[in-house]
N, C-alpha and C. Protein backbone atom coordinates (compact mmCIF):
# COMPACT_ATOMS: atom_id res chain seq x y z
N MET A 1 10.22 -11.63 -104.49
CA MET A 1 10.46 -11.14 -103.33
C MET A 1 9.26 -11.93 -102.21
N ARG A 2 9.76 -12.31 -101.27
CA ARG A 2 8.72 -13.12 -100.17
C ARG A 2 7.97 -12.18 -99.39
N THR A 3 6.94 -12.72 -98.93
CA THR A 3 5.98 -11.75 -98.39
C THR A 3 5.62 -12.43 -96.99
N PRO A 4 5.01 -11.63 -96.02
CA PRO A 4 4.31 -12.50 -95.01
C PRO A 4 3.69 -13.40 -95.10
N ALA A 5 2.79 -13.68 -96.10
CA ALA A 5 2.13 -14.88 -96.40
C ALA A 5 2.97 -15.91 -96.68
N ASP A 6 4.33 -15.82 -97.13
CA ASP A 6 5.33 -16.83 -97.36
C ASP A 6 5.68 -17.41 -96.06
N LEU A 7 6.12 -16.25 -95.08
CA LEU A 7 6.46 -16.49 -93.78
C LEU A 7 5.45 -17.29 -93.01
N ASP A 8 4.36 -16.78 -92.94
CA ASP A 8 3.25 -17.47 -92.34
C ASP A 8 3.12 -18.92 -92.69
N GLN A 9 3.41 -19.19 -94.12
CA GLN A 9 3.21 -20.66 -94.60
C GLN A 9 4.23 -21.47 -93.92
N TYR A 10 5.60 -20.83 -93.81
CA TYR A 10 6.64 -21.30 -93.25
C TYR A 10 6.45 -21.75 -91.88
N ILE A 11 5.84 -20.66 -90.96
CA ILE A 11 5.57 -21.02 -89.86
C ILE A 11 4.59 -22.44 -89.36
N ARG A 12 3.77 -22.44 -90.28
CA ARG A 12 2.66 -23.33 -90.40
C ARG A 12 3.20 -24.87 -90.51
N LYS A 13 3.88 -24.68 -91.68
CA LYS A 13 4.55 -26.19 -92.23
C LYS A 13 5.43 -26.49 -91.06
N HIS A 14 6.22 -25.85 -90.49
CA HIS A 14 7.34 -26.42 -89.62
C HIS A 14 6.92 -26.23 -88.30
N GLY A 15 5.58 -25.68 -87.94
CA GLY A 15 5.21 -26.14 -86.42
C GLY A 15 5.67 -25.19 -85.44
N ILE A 16 6.00 -24.02 -86.03
CA ILE A 16 6.57 -23.11 -85.11
C ILE A 16 5.71 -22.32 -84.29
N ALA A 17 6.13 -22.09 -83.06
CA ALA A 17 5.18 -21.27 -82.07
C ALA A 17 5.45 -19.72 -82.23
N ALA A 18 4.98 -19.17 -83.17
CA ALA A 18 5.01 -17.90 -83.74
C ALA A 18 3.84 -17.38 -84.14
N ALA A 19 3.65 -15.85 -84.23
CA ALA A 19 2.26 -15.67 -85.07
C ALA A 19 2.84 -14.32 -85.67
N LEU A 20 2.06 -13.96 -86.70
CA LEU A 20 2.32 -12.58 -87.32
C LEU A 20 1.27 -11.75 -86.95
N VAL A 21 1.87 -10.45 -86.71
CA VAL A 21 0.90 -9.41 -86.23
C VAL A 21 0.79 -8.26 -87.18
N ALA A 22 -0.13 -7.67 -87.31
CA ALA A 22 -0.06 -6.36 -88.02
C ALA A 22 -0.67 -5.22 -87.16
N PRO A 23 0.56 -4.55 -86.71
CA PRO A 23 0.40 -3.40 -85.82
C PRO A 23 -0.69 -2.34 -86.87
N PRO A 24 -1.10 -1.38 -86.10
CA PRO A 24 -2.34 -0.32 -86.88
C PRO A 24 -1.53 0.60 -87.42
N HIS A 25 -0.23 0.67 -87.62
CA HIS A 25 0.38 1.45 -88.31
C HIS A 25 1.73 0.87 -88.77
N GLU A 26 2.46 1.75 -89.78
CA GLU A 26 3.67 0.92 -89.87
C GLU A 26 4.65 1.13 -88.89
N THR A 27 5.84 0.14 -88.77
CA THR A 27 6.63 0.37 -87.60
C THR A 27 8.15 0.47 -88.00
N PRO A 28 8.69 1.49 -88.76
CA PRO A 28 9.83 1.40 -89.20
C PRO A 28 10.94 1.80 -88.46
N THR A 29 10.52 1.99 -87.22
CA THR A 29 11.60 2.36 -86.04
C THR A 29 11.44 1.41 -84.93
N VAL A 30 12.48 1.12 -84.29
CA VAL A 30 12.24 0.36 -82.71
C VAL A 30 11.29 1.02 -81.84
N PRO A 31 11.11 2.49 -81.95
CA PRO A 31 10.38 3.03 -80.82
C PRO A 31 8.97 3.03 -81.03
N LEU A 32 8.75 3.24 -82.69
CA LEU A 32 7.51 2.87 -83.22
C LEU A 32 6.86 1.72 -82.89
N ALA A 33 7.62 0.66 -83.28
CA ALA A 33 7.33 -0.95 -83.21
C ALA A 33 6.86 -1.09 -81.79
N ALA A 34 7.81 -0.77 -80.73
CA ALA A 34 7.45 -0.95 -79.32
C ALA A 34 6.21 -0.37 -78.79
N GLN A 35 5.65 1.04 -79.39
CA GLN A 35 4.63 1.81 -78.99
C GLN A 35 3.33 0.92 -79.56
N ALA A 36 3.43 0.53 -80.88
CA ALA A 36 2.54 -0.26 -81.53
C ALA A 36 1.94 -1.39 -80.77
N MET A 37 3.15 -2.14 -80.37
CA MET A 37 2.92 -3.54 -79.73
C MET A 37 2.81 -3.25 -78.33
N GLY A 38 2.81 -2.02 -77.41
CA GLY A 38 2.62 -1.87 -76.18
C GLY A 38 3.69 -2.70 -75.36
N CYS A 39 4.99 -2.87 -75.94
CA CYS A 39 5.86 -3.44 -75.19
C CYS A 39 7.39 -2.61 -74.96
N ALA A 40 8.20 -3.23 -74.38
CA ALA A 40 9.52 -2.46 -74.16
C ALA A 40 10.13 -2.36 -75.43
N GLU A 41 10.93 -1.54 -75.63
CA GLU A 41 11.90 -1.57 -76.85
C GLU A 41 13.12 -2.73 -76.91
N GLU A 42 13.52 -3.20 -75.79
CA GLU A 42 14.27 -4.24 -75.76
C GLU A 42 13.40 -5.54 -76.41
N GLN A 43 12.07 -5.64 -76.38
CA GLN A 43 11.61 -6.58 -77.17
C GLN A 43 11.42 -6.81 -78.45
N ILE A 44 11.59 -5.70 -78.92
CA ILE A 44 11.77 -5.45 -80.41
C ILE A 44 13.27 -6.11 -80.88
N ILE A 45 13.24 -7.04 -81.78
CA ILE A 45 14.51 -7.51 -82.04
C ILE A 45 14.79 -7.46 -83.59
N LYS A 46 15.93 -7.13 -84.08
CA LYS A 46 16.33 -6.95 -85.52
C LYS A 46 17.20 -7.82 -85.94
N SER A 47 17.07 -8.76 -87.40
CA SER A 47 17.71 -9.69 -87.76
C SER A 47 18.69 -8.94 -88.91
N VAL A 48 19.80 -8.79 -88.50
CA VAL A 48 20.92 -8.10 -89.39
C VAL A 48 21.62 -9.22 -90.31
N VAL A 49 21.77 -9.11 -91.71
CA VAL A 49 22.74 -10.11 -92.54
C VAL A 49 23.98 -9.29 -92.58
N PHE A 50 25.12 -10.04 -92.56
CA PHE A 50 26.36 -9.71 -92.39
C PHE A 50 27.03 -10.90 -93.41
N LEU A 51 28.16 -10.33 -94.17
CA LEU A 51 28.90 -11.10 -94.96
C LEU A 51 30.34 -11.26 -94.70
N VAL A 52 31.04 -12.45 -94.78
CA VAL A 52 32.31 -12.58 -94.60
C VAL A 52 33.08 -12.87 -95.72
N LYS A 53 33.97 -12.13 -96.11
CA LYS A 53 34.77 -12.47 -97.28
C LYS A 53 35.59 -13.74 -97.18
N ASP A 54 35.15 -14.97 -97.51
CA ASP A 54 35.82 -16.07 -97.15
C ASP A 54 36.42 -16.86 -98.22
N ASP A 55 37.50 -16.71 -98.47
CA ASP A 55 38.02 -17.25 -99.80
C ASP A 55 37.25 -16.71 -101.05
N ALA A 56 36.85 -17.42 -102.21
CA ALA A 56 36.17 -16.89 -103.41
C ALA A 56 34.77 -16.42 -103.03
N ILE A 57 34.30 -17.19 -102.25
CA ILE A 57 32.50 -17.04 -101.73
C ILE A 57 32.32 -16.50 -100.44
N PRO A 58 31.55 -15.51 -100.77
CA PRO A 58 31.14 -14.75 -99.38
C PRO A 58 30.34 -15.64 -98.33
N ARG A 59 30.39 -15.63 -97.32
CA ARG A 59 29.72 -16.56 -96.39
C ARG A 59 28.59 -15.62 -95.63
N ALA A 60 27.47 -15.77 -95.60
CA ALA A 60 26.39 -15.12 -95.14
C ALA A 60 26.17 -15.42 -93.35
N ALA A 61 25.83 -14.39 -92.67
CA ALA A 61 25.47 -14.94 -91.22
C ALA A 61 24.29 -13.77 -90.85
N LEU A 62 23.49 -14.32 -90.01
CA LEU A 62 22.46 -13.46 -89.35
C LEU A 62 22.68 -13.25 -88.00
N VAL A 63 22.66 -12.04 -87.46
CA VAL A 63 22.77 -11.76 -86.20
C VAL A 63 21.41 -11.25 -85.65
N ILE A 64 20.84 -11.65 -84.50
CA ILE A 64 19.93 -11.24 -84.09
C ILE A 64 19.93 -10.56 -82.83
N THR A 65 19.41 -9.43 -82.48
CA THR A 65 19.74 -8.52 -81.47
C THR A 65 18.63 -7.72 -80.97
N ASN A 66 18.76 -7.09 -80.02
CA ASN A 66 17.51 -6.19 -79.70
C ASN A 66 17.87 -5.05 -80.43
N GLY A 67 16.61 -4.37 -80.68
CA GLY A 67 16.45 -3.46 -81.94
C GLY A 67 17.20 -1.95 -81.72
N THR A 68 17.47 -1.83 -80.44
CA THR A 68 18.25 -0.60 -80.21
C THR A 68 19.94 -0.70 -79.87
N ALA A 69 20.21 -1.94 -79.82
CA ALA A 69 21.67 -2.44 -79.27
C ALA A 69 22.32 -2.42 -80.63
N PRO A 70 23.48 -1.57 -80.45
CA PRO A 70 24.56 -1.53 -81.93
C PRO A 70 25.22 -2.77 -81.73
N ILE A 71 25.77 -3.43 -82.87
CA ILE A 71 26.54 -4.49 -82.86
C ILE A 71 27.91 -4.05 -82.96
N ASP A 72 28.74 -4.80 -82.28
CA ASP A 72 30.15 -4.63 -82.02
C ASP A 72 30.67 -5.80 -83.42
N TYR A 73 31.19 -5.06 -84.17
CA TYR A 73 31.86 -5.79 -85.59
C TYR A 73 33.02 -6.80 -85.11
N ARG A 74 33.69 -6.12 -84.27
CA ARG A 74 35.14 -6.86 -83.52
C ARG A 74 34.79 -8.08 -83.18
N LYS A 75 33.65 -8.20 -82.15
CA LYS A 75 33.26 -9.04 -81.32
C LYS A 75 32.79 -10.34 -82.33
N LEU A 76 31.86 -9.85 -83.30
CA LEU A 76 31.05 -10.90 -84.36
C LEU A 76 32.40 -11.55 -85.03
N ALA A 77 33.13 -10.62 -85.36
CA ALA A 77 34.33 -11.22 -86.52
C ALA A 77 35.03 -12.12 -85.67
N ALA A 78 35.29 -11.82 -84.39
CA ALA A 78 36.19 -12.72 -83.54
C ALA A 78 35.43 -14.18 -83.37
N LEU A 79 34.07 -14.08 -82.82
CA LEU A 79 33.28 -15.35 -82.92
C LEU A 79 33.20 -16.04 -84.13
N MET A 80 33.36 -15.41 -85.42
CA MET A 80 33.32 -16.16 -86.75
C MET A 80 34.68 -16.69 -87.00
N GLY A 81 35.73 -16.10 -86.14
CA GLY A 81 36.86 -16.60 -86.78
C GLY A 81 37.53 -15.85 -87.78
N VAL A 82 37.23 -14.60 -88.17
CA VAL A 82 37.77 -13.73 -89.17
C VAL A 82 38.18 -12.34 -88.37
N SER A 83 39.07 -11.68 -89.31
CA SER A 83 39.51 -10.36 -89.20
C SER A 83 38.24 -9.48 -89.29
N ARG A 84 38.33 -8.49 -88.34
CA ARG A 84 37.30 -7.34 -88.69
C ARG A 84 37.07 -6.81 -90.04
N LYS A 85 38.20 -6.93 -90.66
CA LYS A 85 38.25 -6.40 -92.06
C LYS A 85 37.68 -7.10 -92.98
N ARG A 86 37.46 -8.45 -92.62
CA ARG A 86 36.63 -9.45 -93.76
C ARG A 86 35.15 -9.31 -93.48
N LEU A 87 34.49 -8.72 -92.57
CA LEU A 87 33.41 -8.71 -92.19
C LEU A 87 32.67 -7.44 -92.43
N ARG A 88 31.29 -7.57 -93.29
CA ARG A 88 30.93 -6.38 -93.56
C ARG A 88 29.07 -6.72 -93.47
N LEU A 89 28.41 -5.60 -93.43
CA LEU A 89 27.08 -5.54 -93.48
C LEU A 89 26.54 -5.68 -94.84
N ALA A 90 25.62 -6.59 -95.22
CA ALA A 90 25.02 -6.78 -96.48
C ALA A 90 24.31 -5.59 -96.78
N SER A 91 24.18 -5.42 -98.33
CA SER A 91 23.70 -4.32 -98.75
C SER A 91 22.08 -4.72 -98.71
N ALA A 92 21.12 -3.75 -99.03
CA ALA A 92 19.85 -3.95 -99.07
C ALA A 92 19.49 -4.96 -100.25
N GLU A 93 20.19 -4.95 -101.60
CA GLU A 93 20.22 -6.07 -102.41
C GLU A 93 20.45 -7.39 -102.12
N GLU A 94 21.71 -7.31 -101.42
CA GLU A 94 22.09 -8.71 -100.97
C GLU A 94 21.01 -9.19 -99.71
N VAL A 95 20.62 -8.58 -99.01
CA VAL A 95 19.76 -9.05 -98.02
C VAL A 95 18.50 -9.70 -98.69
N VAL A 96 18.11 -9.03 -99.85
CA VAL A 96 16.96 -9.81 -100.31
C VAL A 96 17.42 -10.70 -101.25
N ALA A 97 18.64 -11.04 -101.70
CA ALA A 97 19.16 -12.04 -102.55
C ALA A 97 19.33 -13.44 -101.42
N ILE A 98 19.92 -12.93 -100.41
CA ILE A 98 20.06 -13.99 -99.53
C ILE A 98 18.76 -14.55 -98.60
N THR A 99 18.06 -13.73 -98.20
CA THR A 99 17.03 -14.16 -97.27
C THR A 99 15.46 -14.10 -98.06
N GLY A 100 15.26 -13.45 -99.08
CA GLY A 100 13.98 -13.58 -99.89
C GLY A 100 13.41 -12.27 -99.40
N TYR A 101 13.59 -11.50 -98.24
CA TYR A 101 12.81 -10.53 -97.69
C TYR A 101 13.51 -9.19 -97.76
N PRO A 102 12.90 -8.21 -97.71
CA PRO A 102 13.44 -6.53 -97.70
C PRO A 102 13.93 -6.43 -96.42
N ALA A 103 15.11 -5.74 -96.55
CA ALA A 103 15.67 -4.93 -95.15
C ALA A 103 14.72 -4.41 -94.73
N GLY A 104 14.42 -4.29 -93.28
CA GLY A 104 13.44 -3.59 -92.42
C GLY A 104 12.34 -4.59 -92.28
N GLY A 105 12.11 -5.74 -93.05
CA GLY A 105 10.95 -6.65 -92.59
C GLY A 105 11.67 -8.15 -92.71
N VAL A 106 12.97 -8.19 -92.45
CA VAL A 106 13.76 -9.68 -92.28
C VAL A 106 13.20 -10.28 -91.04
N PRO A 107 12.78 -11.53 -91.33
CA PRO A 107 12.33 -12.29 -90.15
C PRO A 107 13.54 -13.08 -89.61
N PRO A 108 13.43 -13.63 -88.37
CA PRO A 108 14.84 -14.42 -87.88
C PRO A 108 14.94 -15.75 -88.69
N PHE A 109 13.88 -16.22 -89.40
CA PHE A 109 13.95 -17.45 -90.29
C PHE A 109 12.73 -17.37 -91.00
N GLY A 110 12.86 -18.51 -91.77
CA GLY A 110 11.99 -18.55 -93.02
C GLY A 110 12.49 -18.54 -94.27
N PHE A 111 13.75 -18.60 -94.45
CA PHE A 111 14.58 -18.51 -95.66
C PHE A 111 14.62 -19.76 -96.32
N SER A 112 15.04 -19.98 -97.64
CA SER A 112 15.09 -20.84 -98.46
C SER A 112 16.33 -21.72 -97.85
N GLU A 113 17.46 -21.00 -97.55
CA GLU A 113 18.59 -21.95 -97.04
C GLU A 113 18.71 -21.48 -95.51
N PRO A 114 18.83 -22.34 -94.55
CA PRO A 114 19.04 -21.75 -93.18
C PRO A 114 20.62 -21.15 -93.09
N LEU A 115 20.73 -19.87 -92.39
CA LEU A 115 21.63 -18.91 -92.06
C LEU A 115 22.40 -19.38 -90.72
N GLU A 116 23.61 -19.33 -90.71
CA GLU A 116 24.52 -19.34 -89.45
C GLU A 116 24.06 -18.19 -88.81
N THR A 117 23.45 -18.48 -87.61
CA THR A 117 22.67 -17.51 -86.56
C THR A 117 23.29 -17.08 -85.47
N TRP A 118 23.44 -15.93 -84.93
CA TRP A 118 24.02 -15.61 -83.68
C TRP A 118 23.00 -14.84 -83.06
N VAL A 119 22.73 -15.03 -81.80
CA VAL A 119 21.63 -14.44 -81.09
C VAL A 119 22.47 -13.73 -79.90
N ASP A 120 22.06 -12.42 -79.71
CA ASP A 120 22.76 -11.82 -78.72
C ASP A 120 21.92 -12.30 -77.24
N ALA A 121 22.84 -12.23 -76.36
CA ALA A 121 22.49 -12.89 -75.10
C ALA A 121 21.31 -11.96 -74.34
N ARG A 122 21.20 -10.79 -74.70
CA ARG A 122 20.18 -10.04 -74.14
C ARG A 122 18.82 -10.24 -74.71
N VAL A 123 18.66 -10.89 -75.82
CA VAL A 123 17.65 -10.90 -76.58
C VAL A 123 16.89 -12.21 -75.61
N MET A 124 17.54 -12.93 -74.95
CA MET A 124 17.19 -14.20 -74.28
C MET A 124 16.55 -13.80 -72.87
N ASP A 125 16.70 -12.24 -72.38
CA ASP A 125 16.20 -11.79 -71.15
C ASP A 125 14.75 -11.26 -71.23
N GLN A 126 14.19 -11.37 -72.54
CA GLN A 126 12.76 -11.09 -72.71
C GLN A 126 11.75 -12.20 -72.81
N PRO A 127 10.54 -12.03 -72.11
CA PRO A 127 9.61 -13.03 -72.28
C PRO A 127 9.15 -13.30 -73.52
N VAL A 128 8.74 -12.35 -74.53
CA VAL A 128 8.41 -12.46 -75.81
C VAL A 128 9.16 -11.41 -76.59
N VAL A 129 9.42 -11.81 -77.85
CA VAL A 129 9.93 -10.70 -78.70
C VAL A 129 9.00 -10.59 -80.08
N TYR A 130 9.54 -9.23 -80.68
CA TYR A 130 8.87 -9.23 -81.85
C TYR A 130 9.72 -8.92 -83.01
N GLY A 131 9.84 -9.57 -84.03
CA GLY A 131 10.80 -9.30 -85.02
C GLY A 131 10.21 -8.78 -86.55
N GLY A 132 10.92 -8.80 -87.25
CA GLY A 132 10.48 -8.74 -88.68
C GLY A 132 9.36 -9.79 -89.12
N GLY A 133 8.49 -9.34 -89.85
CA GLY A 133 7.35 -10.14 -90.23
C GLY A 133 7.38 -10.43 -91.69
N GLY A 134 8.16 -10.08 -92.39
CA GLY A 134 8.23 -9.97 -94.15
C GLY A 134 8.25 -8.72 -94.81
N ASP A 135 7.78 -7.76 -94.07
CA ASP A 135 7.68 -6.28 -94.68
C ASP A 135 7.71 -5.39 -93.74
N GLU A 136 7.39 -4.08 -93.96
CA GLU A 136 7.51 -3.02 -92.98
C GLU A 136 5.97 -2.99 -92.19
N ARG A 137 5.20 -3.49 -92.34
CA ARG A 137 3.82 -3.50 -91.95
C ARG A 137 3.55 -4.55 -91.01
N THR A 138 4.50 -5.54 -91.11
CA THR A 138 4.03 -7.03 -90.25
C THR A 138 5.10 -7.16 -89.29
N LEU A 139 4.76 -7.60 -88.01
CA LEU A 139 5.91 -8.20 -87.25
C LEU A 139 5.66 -9.56 -86.80
N LEU A 140 6.57 -10.28 -86.40
CA LEU A 140 6.67 -11.79 -85.89
C LEU A 140 6.71 -11.84 -84.57
N ARG A 141 5.92 -12.64 -83.67
CA ARG A 141 5.88 -12.52 -82.41
C ARG A 141 6.11 -13.85 -81.89
N THR A 142 7.33 -14.19 -81.22
CA THR A 142 7.52 -15.46 -80.55
C THR A 142 8.56 -15.47 -79.43
N THR A 143 8.90 -16.57 -78.87
CA THR A 143 9.64 -16.36 -77.66
C THR A 143 11.14 -16.59 -77.72
N PRO A 144 11.97 -16.08 -76.98
CA PRO A 144 13.43 -16.59 -77.39
C PRO A 144 13.76 -17.81 -77.60
N ALA A 145 13.16 -18.59 -76.66
CA ALA A 145 13.50 -20.02 -76.71
C ALA A 145 13.16 -20.71 -77.90
N GLU A 146 12.03 -20.27 -78.67
CA GLU A 146 11.58 -20.77 -79.88
C GLU A 146 12.35 -20.25 -81.07
N LEU A 147 12.93 -19.11 -80.76
CA LEU A 147 13.55 -18.46 -81.84
C LEU A 147 14.94 -19.25 -82.05
N LEU A 148 15.60 -19.58 -80.80
CA LEU A 148 16.71 -20.50 -80.62
C LEU A 148 16.42 -22.11 -81.41
N ARG A 149 15.37 -22.28 -81.20
CA ARG A 149 14.97 -23.92 -81.59
C ARG A 149 14.98 -23.93 -83.03
N VAL A 150 14.29 -22.85 -83.41
CA VAL A 150 14.08 -22.71 -85.03
C VAL A 150 15.43 -22.49 -85.86
N THR A 151 16.11 -21.46 -85.25
CA THR A 151 17.25 -20.88 -85.96
C THR A 151 18.53 -21.87 -85.61
N GLY A 152 18.43 -22.52 -84.46
CA GLY A 152 19.77 -23.17 -84.46
C GLY A 152 20.94 -22.18 -84.07
N GLY A 153 20.54 -21.17 -83.63
CA GLY A 153 21.33 -19.93 -83.13
C GLY A 153 22.26 -20.21 -81.91
N ARG A 154 23.41 -19.63 -82.18
CA ARG A 154 24.14 -19.77 -80.74
C ARG A 154 23.99 -18.50 -80.04
N VAL A 155 23.92 -18.23 -78.72
CA VAL A 155 23.66 -17.28 -77.77
C VAL A 155 25.20 -16.78 -77.63
N VAL A 156 25.39 -15.43 -78.02
CA VAL A 156 26.71 -14.77 -77.75
C VAL A 156 26.46 -13.26 -77.46
N ASP A 157 27.56 -12.84 -76.94
CA ASP A 157 27.50 -11.27 -76.74
C ASP A 157 28.25 -10.58 -77.93
N VAL A 158 27.35 -9.83 -78.72
CA VAL A 158 27.93 -9.23 -79.83
C VAL A 158 27.53 -7.73 -79.84
N ARG A 159 27.02 -7.25 -78.50
CA ARG A 159 26.53 -5.94 -78.38
C ARG A 159 27.73 -5.06 -78.10
N ALA A 160 27.72 -3.74 -78.74
CA ALA A 160 28.89 -2.89 -78.37
C ALA A 160 28.72 -2.21 -77.12
N GLY A 161 29.74 -1.86 -76.45
CA GLY A 161 29.74 -1.03 -75.31
C GLY A 161 29.26 -1.86 -74.10
N PRO A 162 29.14 -1.26 -73.14
CA PRO A 162 28.98 -2.32 -71.58
C PRO A 162 27.74 -3.23 -71.87
């Protein structure tokens, strides 16, 4: 399994404008992470892995959204050109197999293979964002613009509700 040290090496190797930060305590929830970083909850982002049953080989996709925002599976499926029935959340074991990082600590990048990435438009409203840093005790700080540059993600609306 990969660690924050692996992510830090990836950041340095690829010249990414990001930094790993270690809050004074674990940050298992969005409110606790925001409190630890002294930022708004909307600045905490989550990297969520989805699988699409696409022929014989499932296709993985990463959705990056504000930590408190629920993801609308129908919107995401439509963007990916599949029916809602073919889209599902990856299990914890699948997340590790796909990203190398544990669920709850998945960064938005730093995988051995790039993932198709979708970034909810509301992430772009933030000046700075904090995402998974490789484990439950580490966060990654970067800007939305850098996040897009590094991931090659597409800005979309995948948030459930208004």
